[in-house]
């Protein structure tokens, strides 16, 4: 969680962010964040991290709500070589490596 928050605080493309939900136990945390980027696009961040698993979704959309890209590891595209890791680009599903917020912010920065 600290790494995620540090990435948001220090990255130059993040204008503002709000923590929408946070839950923590002895061996896990769940974090849901909405970040506004310097071009006014929105990045929705969800992370569940425990001793046994890591579930993530980084949903990047335009300021008018149109999907630009979403990276996640929901286990529903079993035919992909990178299963369960994948990304949604418009209507297409593509292979994607496991990722974290720091990498996503770098990808978005290169794009904007």
PDB file of N, CA and C in Angstrom:
ATOM      1  N   UNK A   1       0.815  -1.177   0.000  1.00  0.00           N
ATOM      2  CA  UNK A   1       0.000   0.000   0.000  1.00  0.00           C
ATOM      3  C   UNK A   1       0.868   1.253   0.000  1.00  0.00           C
ATOM      4  N   UNK A   2       1.904   1.254   0.798  1.00  0.00           N
ATOM      5  CA  UNK A   2       2.771   2.428   0.861  1.00  0.00           C
ATOM      6  C   UNK A   2       3.423   2.719  -0.478  1.00  0.00           C
ATOM      7  N   UNK A   3       3.814   1.670  -1.203  1.00  0.00           N
ATOM      8  CA  UNK A   3       4.429   1.851  -2.517  1.00  0.00           C
ATOM      9  C   UNK A   3       3.427   2.491  -3.484  1.00  0.00           C
ATOM     10  N   UNK A   4       2.188   2.046  -3.447  1.00  0.00           N
ATOM     11  CA  UNK A   4       1.144   2.606  -4.303  1.00  0.00           C
ATOM     12  C   UNK A   4       0.933   4.076  -3.992  1.00  0.00           C
ATOM     13  N   UNK A   5       0.780   4.422  -2.732  1.00  0.00           N
ATOM     14  CA  UNK A   5       0.552   5.812  -2.338  1.00  0.00           C
ATOM     15  C   UNK A   5       1.762   6.679  -2.653  1.00  0.00           C
ATOM     16  N   UNK A   6       2.947   6.149  -2.462  1.00  0.00           N
ATOM     17  CA  UNK A   6       4.169   6.901  -2.782  1.00  0.00           C
ATOM     18  C   UNK A   6       4.240   7.199  -4.277  1.00  0.00           C
ATOM     19  N   UNK A   7       3.859   6.217  -5.104  1.00  0.00           N
ATOM     20  CA  UNK A   7       3.855   6.428  -6.557  1.00  0.00           C
ATOM     21  C   UNK A   7       2.897   7.550  -6.934  1.00  0.00           C
ATOM     22  N   UNK A   8       1.734   7.588  -6.310  1.00  0.00           N
ATOM     23  CA  UNK A   8       0.761   8.643  -6.598  1.00  0.00           C
ATOM     24  C   UNK A   8       1.253  10.014  -6.140  1.00  0.00           C
ATOM     25  N   UNK A   9       1.887  10.054  -4.977  1.00  0.00           N
ATOM     26  CA  UNK A   9       2.347  11.330  -4.419  1.00  0.00           C
ATOM     27  C   UNK A   9       3.504  11.928  -5.208  1.00  0.00           C
ATOM     28  N   UNK A  10       4.358  11.101  -5.756  1.00  0.00           N
ATOM     29  CA  UNK A  10       5.586  11.602  -6.371  1.00  0.00           C
ATOM     30  C   UNK A  10       5.558  11.665  -7.890  1.00  0.00           C
ATOM     31  N   UNK A  11       4.591  11.030  -8.526  1.00  0.00           N
ATOM     32  CA  UNK A  11       4.592  11.004  -9.987  1.00  0.00           C
ATOM     33  C   UNK A  11       4.069  12.312 -10.558  1.00  0.00           C
ATOM     34  N   UNK A  12       4.794  12.864 -11.533  1.00  0.00           N
ATOM     35  CA  UNK A  12       4.466  14.184 -12.071  1.00  0.00           C
ATOM     36  C   UNK A  12       3.202  14.212 -12.925  1.00  0.00           C
ATOM     37  N   UNK A  13       2.685  13.062 -13.344  1.00  0.00           N
ATOM     38  CA  UNK A  13       1.461  13.086 -14.148  1.00  0.00           C
ATOM     39  C   UNK A  13       0.196  12.993 -13.301  1.00  0.00           C
ATOM     40  N   UNK A  14       0.331  12.773 -12.001  1.00  0.00           N
ATOM     41  CA  UNK A  14      -0.828  12.684 -11.114  1.00  0.00           C
ATOM     42  C   UNK A  14      -1.135  14.073 -10.572  1.00  0.00           C
ATOM     43  N   UNK A  15      -2.320  14.574 -10.929  1.00  0.00           N
ATOM     44  CA  UNK A  15      -2.744  15.892 -10.458  1.00  0.00           C
ATOM     45  C   UNK A  15      -3.325  15.781  -9.039  1.00  0.00           C
ATOM     46  N   UNK A  16      -4.312  14.900  -8.860  1.00  0.00           N
ATOM     47  CA  UNK A  16      -4.928  14.666  -7.560  1.00  0.00           C
ATOM     48  C   UNK A  16      -5.333  13.205  -7.471  1.00  0.00           C
ATOM     49  N   UNK A  17      -5.572  12.748  -6.258  1.00  0.00           N
ATOM     50  CA  UNK A  17      -6.117  11.405  -6.076  1.00  0.00           C
ATOM     51  C   UNK A  17      -6.933  11.363  -4.795  1.00  0.00           C
ATOM     52  N   UNK A  18      -7.864  10.415  -4.761  1.00  0.00           N
ATOM     53  CA  UNK A  18      -8.709  10.218  -3.577  1.00  0.00           C
ATOM     54  C   UNK A  18      -8.794   8.731  -3.282  1.00  0.00           C
ATOM     55  N   UNK A  19      -8.633   8.381  -2.028  1.00  0.00           N
ATOM     56  CA  UNK A  19      -8.811   6.992  -1.600  1.00  0.00           C
ATOM     57  C   UNK A  19     -10.302   6.792  -1.377  1.00  0.00           C
ATOM     58  N   UNK A  20     -10.902   5.907  -2.162  1.00  0.00           N
ATOM     59  CA  UNK A  20     -12.338   5.661  -2.099  1.00  0.00           C
ATOM     60  C   UNK A  20     -12.696   4.544  -1.129  1.00  0.00           C
ATOM     61  N   UNK A  21     -11.780   3.598  -0.953  1.00  0.00           N
ATOM     62  CA  UNK A  21     -12.016   2.482  -0.037  1.00  0.00           C
ATOM     63  C   UNK A  21     -10.673   1.938   0.412  1.00  0.00           C
ATOM     64  N   UNK A  22     -10.624   1.525   1.658  1.00  0.00           N
ATOM     65  CA  UNK A  22      -9.408   0.922   2.203  1.00  0.00           C
ATOM     66  C   UNK A  22      -9.809  -0.059   3.291  1.00  0.00           C
ATOM     67  N   UNK A  23      -9.305  -1.265   3.177  1.00  0.00           N
ATOM     68  CA  UNK A  23      -9.511  -2.293   4.193  1.00  0.00           C
ATOM     69  C   UNK A  23      -8.164  -2.957   4.445  1.00  0.00           C
ATOM     70  N   UNK A  24      -7.910  -3.285   5.700  1.00  0.00           N
ATOM     71  CA  UNK A  24      -6.634  -3.915   6.031  1.00  0.00           C
ATOM     72  C   UNK A  24      -6.836  -4.935   7.139  1.00  0.00           C
ATOM     73  N   UNK A  25      -6.133  -6.049   7.005  1.00  0.00           N
ATOM     74  CA  UNK A  25      -6.104  -7.074   8.038  1.00  0.00           C
ATOM     75  C   UNK A  25      -4.657  -7.400   8.346  1.00  0.00           C
ATOM     76  N   UNK A  26      -4.451  -8.436   9.116  1.00  0.00           N
ATOM     77  CA  UNK A  26      -3.073  -8.803   9.469  1.00  0.00           C
ATOM     78  C   UNK A  26      -2.255  -9.213   8.254  1.00  0.00           C
ATOM     79  N   UNK A  27      -2.902  -9.843   7.284  1.00  0.00           N
ATOM     80  CA  UNK A  27      -2.150 -10.382   6.152  1.00  0.00           C
ATOM     81  C   UNK A  27      -2.633  -9.877   4.796  1.00  0.00           C
ATOM     82  N   UNK A  28      -3.433  -8.819   4.757  1.00  0.00           N
ATOM     83  CA  UNK A  28      -3.935  -8.319   3.477  1.00  0.00           C
ATOM     84  C   UNK A  28      -4.255  -6.833   3.556  1.00  0.00           C
ATOM     85  N   UNK A  29      -4.387  -6.238   2.371  1.00  0.00           N
ATOM     86  CA  UNK A  29      -5.015  -4.925   2.271  1.00  0.00           C
ATOM     87  C   UNK A  29      -5.767  -4.834   0.964  1.00  0.00           C
ATOM     88  N   UNK A  30      -6.787  -3.991   0.942  1.00  0.00           N
ATOM     89  CA  UNK A  30      -7.573  -3.683  -0.245  1.00  0.00           C
ATOM     90  C   UNK A  30      -7.610  -2.172  -0.372  1.00  0.00           C
ATOM     91  N   UNK A  31      -7.336  -1.686  -1.572  1.00  0.00           N
ATOM     92  CA  UNK A  31      -7.249  -0.261  -1.801  1.00  0.00           C
ATOM     93  C   UNK A  31      -7.967   0.077  -3.105  1.00  0.00           C
ATOM     94  N   UNK A  32      -8.825   1.096  -3.051  1.00  0.00           N
ATOM     95  CA  UNK A  32      -9.520   1.585  -4.239  1.00  0.00           C
ATOM     96  C   UNK A  32      -9.311   3.094  -4.298  1.00  0.00           C
ATOM     97  N   UNK A  33      -8.759   3.563  -5.425  1.00  0.00           N
ATOM     98  CA  UNK A  33      -8.357   4.961  -5.565  1.00  0.00           C
ATOM     99  C   UNK A  33      -8.831   5.497  -6.920  1.00  0.00           C
ATOM    100  N   UNK A  34      -9.155   6.767  -6.934  1.00  0.00           N
ATOM    101  CA  UNK A  34      -9.456   7.482  -8.182  1.00  0.00           C
ATOM    102  C   UNK A  34      -8.434   8.603  -8.311  1.00  0.00           C
ATOM    103  N   UNK A  35      -7.657   8.570  -9.390  1.00  0.00           N
ATOM    104  CA  UNK A  35      -6.621   9.582  -9.615  1.00  0.00           C
ATOM    105  C   UNK A  35      -6.959  10.383 -10.870  1.00  0.00           C
ATOM    106  N   UNK A  36      -6.811  11.695 -10.771  1.00  0.00           N
ATOM    107  CA  UNK A  36      -6.962  12.577 -11.924  1.00  0.00           C
ATOM    108  C   UNK A  36      -5.552  12.917 -12.400  1.00  0.00           C
ATOM    109  N   UNK A  37      -5.313  12.723 -13.691  1.00  0.00           N
ATOM    110  CA  UNK A  37      -3.991  12.939 -14.256  1.00  0.00           C
ATOM    111  C   UNK A  37      -3.901  14.331 -14.878  1.00  0.00           C
ATOM    112  N   UNK A  38      -2.696  14.740 -15.256  1.00  0.00           N
ATOM    113  CA  UNK A  38      -2.473  16.115 -15.718  1.00  0.00           C
ATOM    114  C   UNK A  38      -3.235  16.471 -16.989  1.00  0.00           C
ATOM    115  N   UNK A  39      -3.630  15.492 -17.769  1.00  0.00           N
ATOM    116  CA  UNK A  39      -4.434  15.763 -18.972  1.00  0.00           C
ATOM    117  C   UNK A  39      -5.927  15.602 -18.688  1.00  0.00           C
ATOM    118  N   UNK A  40      -6.276  15.495 -17.408  1.00  0.00           N
ATOM    119  CA  UNK A  40      -7.652  15.326 -16.922  1.00  0.00           C
ATOM    120  C   UNK A  40      -8.260  13.964 -17.214  1.00  0.00           C
ATOM    121  N   UNK A  41      -7.460  13.012 -17.671  1.00  0.00           N
ATOM    122  CA  UNK A  41      -7.950  11.641 -17.764  1.00  0.00           C
ATOM    123  C   UNK A  41      -7.984  11.081 -16.338  1.00  0.00           C
ATOM    124  N   UNK A  42      -8.671   9.957 -16.172  1.00  0.00           N
ATOM    125  CA  UNK A  42      -8.895   9.369 -14.857  1.00  0.00           C
ATOM    126  C   UNK A  42      -8.271   7.972 -14.819  1.00  0.00           C
ATOM    127  N   UNK A  43      -7.625   7.660 -13.718  1.00  0.00           N
ATOM    128  CA  UNK A  43      -7.094   6.317 -13.490  1.00  0.00           C
ATOM    129  C   UNK A  43      -7.761   5.756 -12.242  1.00  0.00           C
ATOM    130  N   UNK A  44      -8.538   4.680 -12.431  1.00  0.00           N
ATOM    131  CA  UNK A  44      -9.170   3.975 -11.313  1.00  0.00           C
ATOM    132  C   UNK A  44      -8.245   2.824 -10.925  1.00  0.00           C
ATOM    133  N   UNK A  45      -7.901   2.750  -9.665  1.00  0.00           N
ATOM    134  CA  UNK A  45      -6.923   1.785  -9.168  1.00  0.00           C
ATOM    135  C   UNK A  45      -7.591   0.892  -8.132  1.00  0.00           C
ATOM    136  N   UNK A  46      -7.447  -0.426  -8.309  1.00  0.00           N
ATOM    137  CA  UNK A  46      -7.902  -1.374  -7.293  1.00  0.00           C
ATOM    138  C   UNK A  46      -6.788  -2.392  -7.082  1.00  0.00           C
ATOM    139  N   UNK A  47      -6.433  -2.580  -5.827  1.00  0.00           N
ATOM    140  CA  UNK A  47      -5.414  -3.570  -5.481  1.00  0.00           C
ATOM    141  C   UNK A  47      -5.868  -4.342  -4.252  1.00  0.00           C
ATOM    142  N   UNK A  48      -5.729  -5.650  -4.348  1.00  0.00           N
ATOM    143  CA  UNK A  48      -5.908  -6.517  -3.188  1.00  0.00           C
ATOM    144  C   UNK A  48      -4.611  -7.301  -3.076  1.00  0.00           C
ATOM    145  N   UNK A  49      -3.935  -7.131  -1.968  1.00  0.00           N
ATOM    146  CA  UNK A  49      -2.654  -7.802  -1.766  1.00  0.00           C
ATOM    147  C   UNK A  49      -2.727  -8.583  -0.459  1.00  0.00           C
ATOM    148  N   UNK A  50      -2.382  -9.857  -0.529  1.00  0.00           N
ATOM    149  CA  UNK A  50      -2.316 -10.689   0.677  1.00  0.00           C
ATOM    150  C   UNK A  50      -1.052 -11.529   0.617  1.00  0.00           C
ATOM    151  N   UNK A  51      -0.860 -12.341   1.624  1.00  0.00           N
ATOM    152  CA  UNK A  51       0.293 -13.241   1.626  1.00  0.00           C
ATOM    153  C   UNK A  51       0.232 -14.228   0.457  1.00  0.00           C
ATOM    154  N   UNK A  52      -0.989 -14.562   0.006  1.00  0.00           N
ATOM    155  CA  UNK A  52      -1.160 -15.624  -0.991  1.00  0.00           C
ATOM    156  C   UNK A  52      -1.520 -15.147  -2.387  1.00  0.00           C
ATOM    157  N   UNK A  53      -2.007 -13.912  -2.514  1.00  0.00           N
ATOM    158  CA  UNK A  53      -2.433 -13.481  -3.848  1.00  0.00           C
ATOM    159  C   UNK A  53      -2.322 -11.971  -4.032  1.00  0.00           C
ATOM    160  N   UNK A  54      -2.351 -11.608  -5.297  1.00  0.00           N
ATOM    161  CA  UNK A  54      -2.322 -10.195  -5.681  1.00  0.00           C
ATOM    162  C   UNK A  54      -3.320 -10.022  -6.816  1.00  0.00           C
ATOM    163  N   UNK A  55      -4.346  -9.214  -6.561  1.00  0.00           N
ATOM    164  CA  UNK A  55      -5.373  -8.940  -7.563  1.00  0.00           C
ATOM    165  C   UNK A  55      -5.326  -7.446  -7.847  1.00  0.00           C
ATOM    166  N   UNK A  56      -5.308  -7.095  -9.130  1.00  0.00           N
ATOM    167  CA  UNK A  56      -5.201  -5.677  -9.469  1.00  0.00           C
ATOM    168  C   UNK A  56      -6.052  -5.332 -10.678  1.00  0.00           C
ATOM    169  N   UNK A  57      -6.390  -4.050 -10.747  1.00  0.00           N
ATOM    170  CA  UNK A  57      -7.047  -3.473 -11.912  1.00  0.00           C
ATOM    171  C   UNK A  57      -6.656  -2.000 -11.970  1.00  0.00           C
ATOM    172  N   UNK A  58      -6.132  -1.601 -13.116  1.00  0.00           N
ATOM    173  CA  UNK A  58      -5.770  -0.203 -13.364  1.00  0.00           C
ATOM    174  C   UNK A  58      -6.552   0.226 -14.605  1.00  0.00           C
ATOM    175  N   UNK A  59      -7.613   0.974 -14.383  1.00  0.00           N
ATOM    176  CA  UNK A  59      -8.562   1.347 -15.431  1.00  0.00           C
ATOM    177  C   UNK A  59      -8.353   2.813 -15.782  1.00  0.00           C
ATOM    178  N   UNK A  60      -7.821   3.051 -16.977  1.00  0.00           N
ATOM    179  CA  UNK A  60      -7.522   4.413 -17.431  1.00  0.00           C
ATOM    180  C   UNK A  60      -8.567   4.831 -18.444  1.00  0.00           C
ATOM    181  N   UNK A  61      -9.188   5.963 -18.195  1.00  0.00           N
ATOM    182  CA  UNK A  61     -10.233   6.439 -19.094  1.00  0.00           C
ATOM    183  C   UNK A  61     -10.076   7.922 -19.363  1.00  0.00           C
ATOM    184  N   UNK A  62     -10.667   8.369 -20.466  1.00  0.00           N
ATOM    185  CA  UNK A  62     -10.650   9.790 -20.802  1.00  0.00           C
ATOM    186  C   UNK A  62     -11.535  10.543 -19.816  1.00  0.00           C
ATOM    187  N   UNK A  63     -11.434  11.865 -19.822  1.00  0.00           N
ATOM    188  CA  UNK A  63     -12.225  12.656 -18.880  1.00  0.00           C
ATOM    189  C   UNK A  63     -13.719  12.508 -19.125  1.00  0.00           C
ATOM    190  N   UNK A  64     -14.114  12.099 -20.342  1.00  0.00           N
ATOM    191  CA  UNK A  64     -15.537  11.880 -20.617  1.00  0.00           C
ATOM    192  C   UNK A  64     -15.965  10.423 -20.433  1.00  0.00           C
ATOM    193  N   UNK A  65     -15.101   9.618 -19.814  1.00  0.00           N
ATOM    194  CA  UNK A  65     -15.472   8.256 -19.424  1.00  0.00           C
ATOM    195  C   UNK A  65     -15.192   7.161 -20.434  1.00  0.00           C
ATOM    196  N   UNK A  66     -14.534   7.466 -21.534  1.00  0.00           N
ATOM    197  CA  UNK A  66     -14.230   6.454 -22.550  1.00  0.00           C
ATOM    198  C   UNK A  66     -12.968   5.687 -22.156  1.00  0.00           C
ATOM    199  N   UNK A  67     -13.060   4.354 -22.195  1.00  0.00           N
ATOM    200  CA  UNK A  67     -11.921   3.506 -21.849  1.00  0.00           C
ATOM    201  C   UNK A  67     -10.752   3.760 -22.795  1.00  0.00           C
ATOM    202  N   UNK A  68      -9.593   3.999 -22.202  1.00  0.00           N
ATOM    203  CA  UNK A  68      -8.352   4.071 -22.979  1.00  0.00           C
ATOM    204  C   UNK A  68      -7.651   2.727 -22.868  1.00  0.00           C
ATOM    205  N   UNK A  69      -7.450   2.263 -21.642  1.00  0.00           N
ATOM    206  CA  UNK A  69      -6.822   0.961 -21.415  1.00  0.00           C
ATOM    207  C   UNK A  69      -7.102   0.515 -19.985  1.00  0.00           C
ATOM    208  N   UNK A  70      -7.283  -0.782 -19.793  1.00  0.00           N
ATOM    209  CA  UNK A  70      -7.389  -1.335 -18.444  1.00  0.00           C
ATOM    210  C   UNK A  70      -6.487  -2.562 -18.362  1.00  0.00           C
ATOM    211  N   UNK A  71      -5.639  -2.572 -17.374  1.00  0.00           N
ATOM    212  CA  UNK A  71      -4.761  -3.703 -17.093  1.00  0.00           C
ATOM    213  C   UNK A  71      -5.323  -4.410 -15.867  1.00  0.00           C
ATOM    214  N   UNK A  72      -5.488  -5.730 -15.954  1.00  0.00           N
ATOM    215  CA  UNK A  72      -5.962  -6.454 -14.770  1.00  0.00           C
ATOM    216  C   UNK A  72      -5.592  -7.922 -14.855  1.00  0.00           C
ATOM    217  N   UNK A  73      -5.885  -8.621 -13.778  1.00  0.00           N
ATOM    218  CA  UNK A  73      -5.586 -10.054 -13.745  1.00  0.00           C
ATOM    219  C   UNK A  73      -6.801 -10.875 -13.313  1.00  0.00           C
ATOM    220  N   UNK A  74      -7.997 -10.401 -13.675  1.00  0.00           N
ATOM    221  CA  UNK A  74      -9.202 -11.202 -13.461  1.00  0.00           C
ATOM    222  C   UNK A  74      -9.079 -12.462 -14.324  1.00  0.00           C
ATOM    223  N   UNK A  75      -9.382 -13.631 -13.770  1.00  0.00           N
ATOM    224  CA  UNK A  75      -9.083 -14.889 -14.472  1.00  0.00           C
ATOM    225  C   UNK A  75     -10.145 -15.327 -15.482  1.00  0.00           C
ATOM    226  N   UNK A  76     -10.406 -14.505 -16.524  1.00  0.00           N
ATOM    227  CA  UNK A  76     -11.410 -14.939 -17.481  1.00  0.00           C
ATOM    228  C   UNK A  76     -10.951 -15.074 -18.927  1.00  0.00           C
ATOM    229  N   UNK A  77      -9.719 -14.868 -19.259  1.00  0.00           N
ATOM    230  CA  UNK A  77      -9.249 -15.047 -20.647  1.00  0.00           C
ATOM    231  C   UNK A  77      -8.176 -16.130 -20.670  1.00  0.00           C
ATOM    232  N   UNK A  78      -8.621 -17.359 -20.461  1.00  0.00           N
ATOM    233  CA  UNK A  78      -7.716 -18.493 -20.254  1.00  0.00           C
ATOM    234  C   UNK A  78      -6.855 -18.819 -21.460  1.00  0.00           C
ATOM    235  N   UNK A  79      -7.257 -18.394 -22.659  1.00  0.00           N
ATOM    236  CA  UNK A  79      -6.495 -18.703 -23.878  1.00  0.00           C
ATOM    237  C   UNK A  79      -5.252 -17.822 -24.058  1.00  0.00           C
ATOM    238  N   UNK A  80      -5.151 -16.752 -23.295  1.00  0.00           N
ATOM    239  CA  UNK A  80      -3.993 -15.878 -23.434  1.00  0.00           C
ATOM    240  C   UNK A  80      -2.741 -16.517 -22.845  1.00  0.00           C
ATOM    241  N   UNK A  81      -1.619 -16.325 -23.502  1.00  0.00           N
ATOM    242  CA  UNK A  81      -0.350 -16.863 -22.995  1.00  0.00           C
ATOM    243  C   UNK A  81       0.011 -16.252 -21.644  1.00  0.00           C
ATOM    244  N   UNK A  82      -0.436 -15.031 -21.398  1.00  0.00           N
ATOM    245  CA  UNK A  82      -0.097 -14.335 -20.149  1.00  0.00           C
ATOM    246  C   UNK A  82      -1.196 -14.475 -19.084  1.00  0.00           C
ATOM    247  N   UNK A  83      -2.135 -15.392 -19.299  1.00  0.00           N
ATOM    248  CA  UNK A  83      -3.234 -15.608 -18.352  1.00  0.00           C
ATOM    249  C   UNK A  83      -2.699 -15.711 -16.927  1.00  0.00           C
ATOM    250  N   UNK A  84      -3.294 -15.036 -15.975  1.00  0.00           N
ATOM    251  CA  UNK A  84      -4.524 -14.240 -16.046  1.00  0.00           C
ATOM    252  C   UNK A  84      -4.286 -12.760 -16.395  1.00  0.00           C
ATOM    253  N   UNK A  85      -3.047 -12.366 -16.591  1.00  0.00           N
ATOM    254  CA  UNK A  85      -2.719 -10.962 -16.850  1.00  0.00           C
ATOM    255  C   UNK A  85      -3.107 -10.584 -18.276  1.00  0.00           C
ATOM    256  N   UNK A  86      -3.804  -9.456 -18.417  1.00  0.00           N
ATOM    257  CA  UNK A  86      -4.254  -9.002 -19.727  1.00  0.00           C
ATOM    258  C   UNK A  86      -4.575  -7.514 -19.672  1.00  0.00           C
ATOM    259  N   UNK A  87      -4.845  -6.955 -20.848  1.00  0.00           N
ATOM    260  CA  UNK A  87      -5.272  -5.561 -20.901  1.00  0.00           C
ATOM    261  C   UNK A  87      -6.396  -5.411 -21.911  1.00  0.00           C
ATOM    262  N   UNK A  88      -7.239  -4.445 -21.639  1.00  0.00           N
ATOM    263  CA  UNK A  88      -8.359  -4.096 -22.507  1.00  0.00           C
ATOM    264  C   UNK A  88      -7.978  -2.792 -23.205  1.00  0.00           C
ATOM    265  N   UNK A  89      -7.906  -2.834 -24.516  1.00  0.00           N
ATOM    266  CA  UNK A  89      -7.621  -1.636 -25.303  1.00  0.00           C
ATOM    267  C   UNK A  89      -8.825  -1.463 -26.216  1.00  0.00           C
ATOM    268  N   UNK A  90      -9.630  -0.452 -25.922  1.00  0.00           N
ATOM    269  CA  UNK A  90     -10.922  -0.289 -26.593  1.00  0.00           C
ATOM    270  C   UNK A  90     -11.706  -1.589 -26.416  1.00  0.00           C
ATOM    271  N   UNK A  91     -12.070  -2.217 -27.500  1.00  0.00           N
ATOM    272  CA  UNK A  91     -12.858  -3.456 -27.423  1.00  0.00           C
ATOM    273  C   UNK A  91     -11.986  -4.716 -27.483  1.00  0.00           C
ATOM    274  N   UNK A  92     -10.673  -4.542 -27.630  1.00  0.00           N
ATOM    275  CA  UNK A  92      -9.778  -5.687 -27.790  1.00  0.00           C
ATOM    276  C   UNK A  92      -9.188  -6.131 -26.454  1.00  0.00           C
ATOM    277  N   UNK A  93      -8.971  -7.426 -26.325  1.00  0.00           N
ATOM    278  CA  UNK A  93      -8.271  -8.013 -25.185  1.00  0.00           C
ATOM    279  C   UNK A  93      -6.885  -8.412 -25.679  1.00  0.00           C
ATOM    280  N   UNK A  94      -5.852  -7.972 -24.953  1.00  0.00           N
ATOM    281  CA  UNK A  94      -4.484  -8.267 -25.366  1.00  0.00           C
ATOM    282  C   UNK A  94      -3.695  -8.861 -24.204  1.00  0.00           C
ATOM    283  N   UNK A  95      -2.621  -9.559 -24.562  1.00  0.00           N
ATOM    284  CA  UNK A  95      -1.727 -10.102 -23.549  1.00  0.00           C
ATOM    285  C   UNK A  95      -1.018  -8.963 -22.826  1.00  0.00           C
ATOM    286  N   UNK A  96      -0.715  -9.197 -21.562  1.00  0.00           N
ATOM    287  CA  UNK A  96      -0.013  -8.206 -20.758  1.00  0.00           C
ATOM    288  C   UNK A  96       0.710  -8.926 -19.633  1.00  0.00           C
ATOM    289  N   UNK A  97       1.845  -8.431 -19.295  1.00  0.00           N
ATOM    290  CA  UNK A  97       2.603  -9.004 -18.182  1.00  0.00           C
ATOM    291  C   UNK A  97       2.050  -8.487 -16.857  1.00  0.00           C
ATOM    292  N   UNK A  98       2.324  -9.205 -15.778  1.00  0.00           N
ATOM    293  CA  UNK A  98       1.935  -8.716 -14.461  1.00  0.00           C
ATOM    294  C   UNK A  98       2.535  -7.328 -14.271  1.00  0.00           C
ATOM    295  N   UNK A  99       1.788  -6.448 -13.633  1.00  0.00           N
ATOM    296  CA  UNK A  99       2.236  -5.074 -13.520  1.00  0.00           C
ATOM    297  C   UNK A  99       1.854  -4.478 -12.175  1.00  0.00           C
ATOM    298  N   UNK A 100       2.319  -3.273 -11.954  1.00  0.00           N
ATOM    299  CA  UNK A 100       1.958  -2.543 -10.736  1.00  0.00           C
ATOM    300  C   UNK A 100       1.740  -1.081 -11.114  1.00  0.00           C
ATOM    301  N   UNK A 101       1.318  -0.283 -10.142  1.00  0.00           N
ATOM    302  CA  UNK A 101       0.979   1.107 -10.433  1.00  0.00           C
ATOM    303  C   UNK A 101       2.154   1.893 -10.990  1.00  0.00           C
ATOM    304  N   UNK A 102       3.325   1.681 -10.463  1.00  0.00           N
ATOM    305  CA  UNK A 102       4.501   2.414 -10.938  1.00  0.00           C
ATOM    306  C   UNK A 102       4.714   2.200 -12.443  1.00  0.00           C
ATOM    307  N   UNK A 103       4.605   0.960 -12.891  1.00  0.00           N
ATOM    308  CA  UNK A 103       4.749   0.654 -14.324  1.00  0.00           C
ATOM    309  C   UNK A 103       3.619   1.251 -15.150  1.00  0.00           C
ATOM    310  N   UNK A 104       2.419   1.217 -14.622  1.00  0.00           N
ATOM    311  CA  UNK A 104       1.272   1.777 -15.342  1.00  0.00           C
ATOM    312  C   UNK A 104       1.446   3.278 -15.529  1.00  0.00           C
ATOM    313  N   UNK A 105       1.868   3.971 -14.482  1.00  0.00           N
ATOM    314  CA  UNK A 105       2.080   5.416 -14.593  1.00  0.00           C
ATOM    315  C   UNK A 105       3.157   5.745 -15.625  1.00  0.00           C
ATOM    316  N   UNK A 106       4.179   4.914 -15.726  1.00  0.00           N
ATOM    317  CA  UNK A 106       5.217   5.123 -16.753  1.00  0.00           C
ATOM    318  C   UNK A 106       4.625   4.950 -18.150  1.00  0.00           C
ATOM    319  N   UNK A 107       3.791   3.918 -18.335  1.00  0.00           N
ATOM    320  CA  UNK A 107       3.167   3.679 -19.637  1.00  0.00           C
ATOM    321  C   UNK A 107       2.267   4.852 -20.016  1.00  0.00           C
ATOM    322  N   UNK A 108       1.483   5.327 -19.065  1.00  0.00           N
ATOM    323  CA  UNK A 108       0.582   6.444 -19.343  1.00  0.00           C
ATOM    324  C   UNK A 108       1.385   7.708 -19.634  1.00  0.00           C
ATOM    325  N   UNK A 109       2.427   7.948 -18.863  1.00  0.00           N
ATOM    326  CA  UNK A 109       3.270   9.128 -19.100  1.00  0.00           C
ATOM    327  C   UNK A 109       3.840   9.131 -20.514  1.00  0.00           C
ATOM    328  N   UNK A 110       4.266   7.971 -20.986  1.00  0.00           N
ATOM    329  CA  UNK A 110       4.798   7.869 -22.349  1.00  0.00           C
ATOM    330  C   UNK A 110       3.725   8.137 -23.400  1.00  0.00           C
ATOM    331  N   UNK A 111       2.490   7.870 -23.034  1.00  0.00           N
ATOM    332  CA  UNK A 111       1.372   8.046 -23.961  1.00  0.00           C
ATOM    333  C   UNK A 111       0.865   9.494 -24.008  1.00  0.00           C
ATOM    334  N   UNK A 112       0.883  10.148 -22.869  1.00  0.00           N
ATOM    335  CA  UNK A 112       0.371  11.523 -22.858  1.00  0.00           C
ATOM    336  C   UNK A 112       1.530  12.489 -22.985  1.00  0.00           C
TER     337      UNK A 112
END
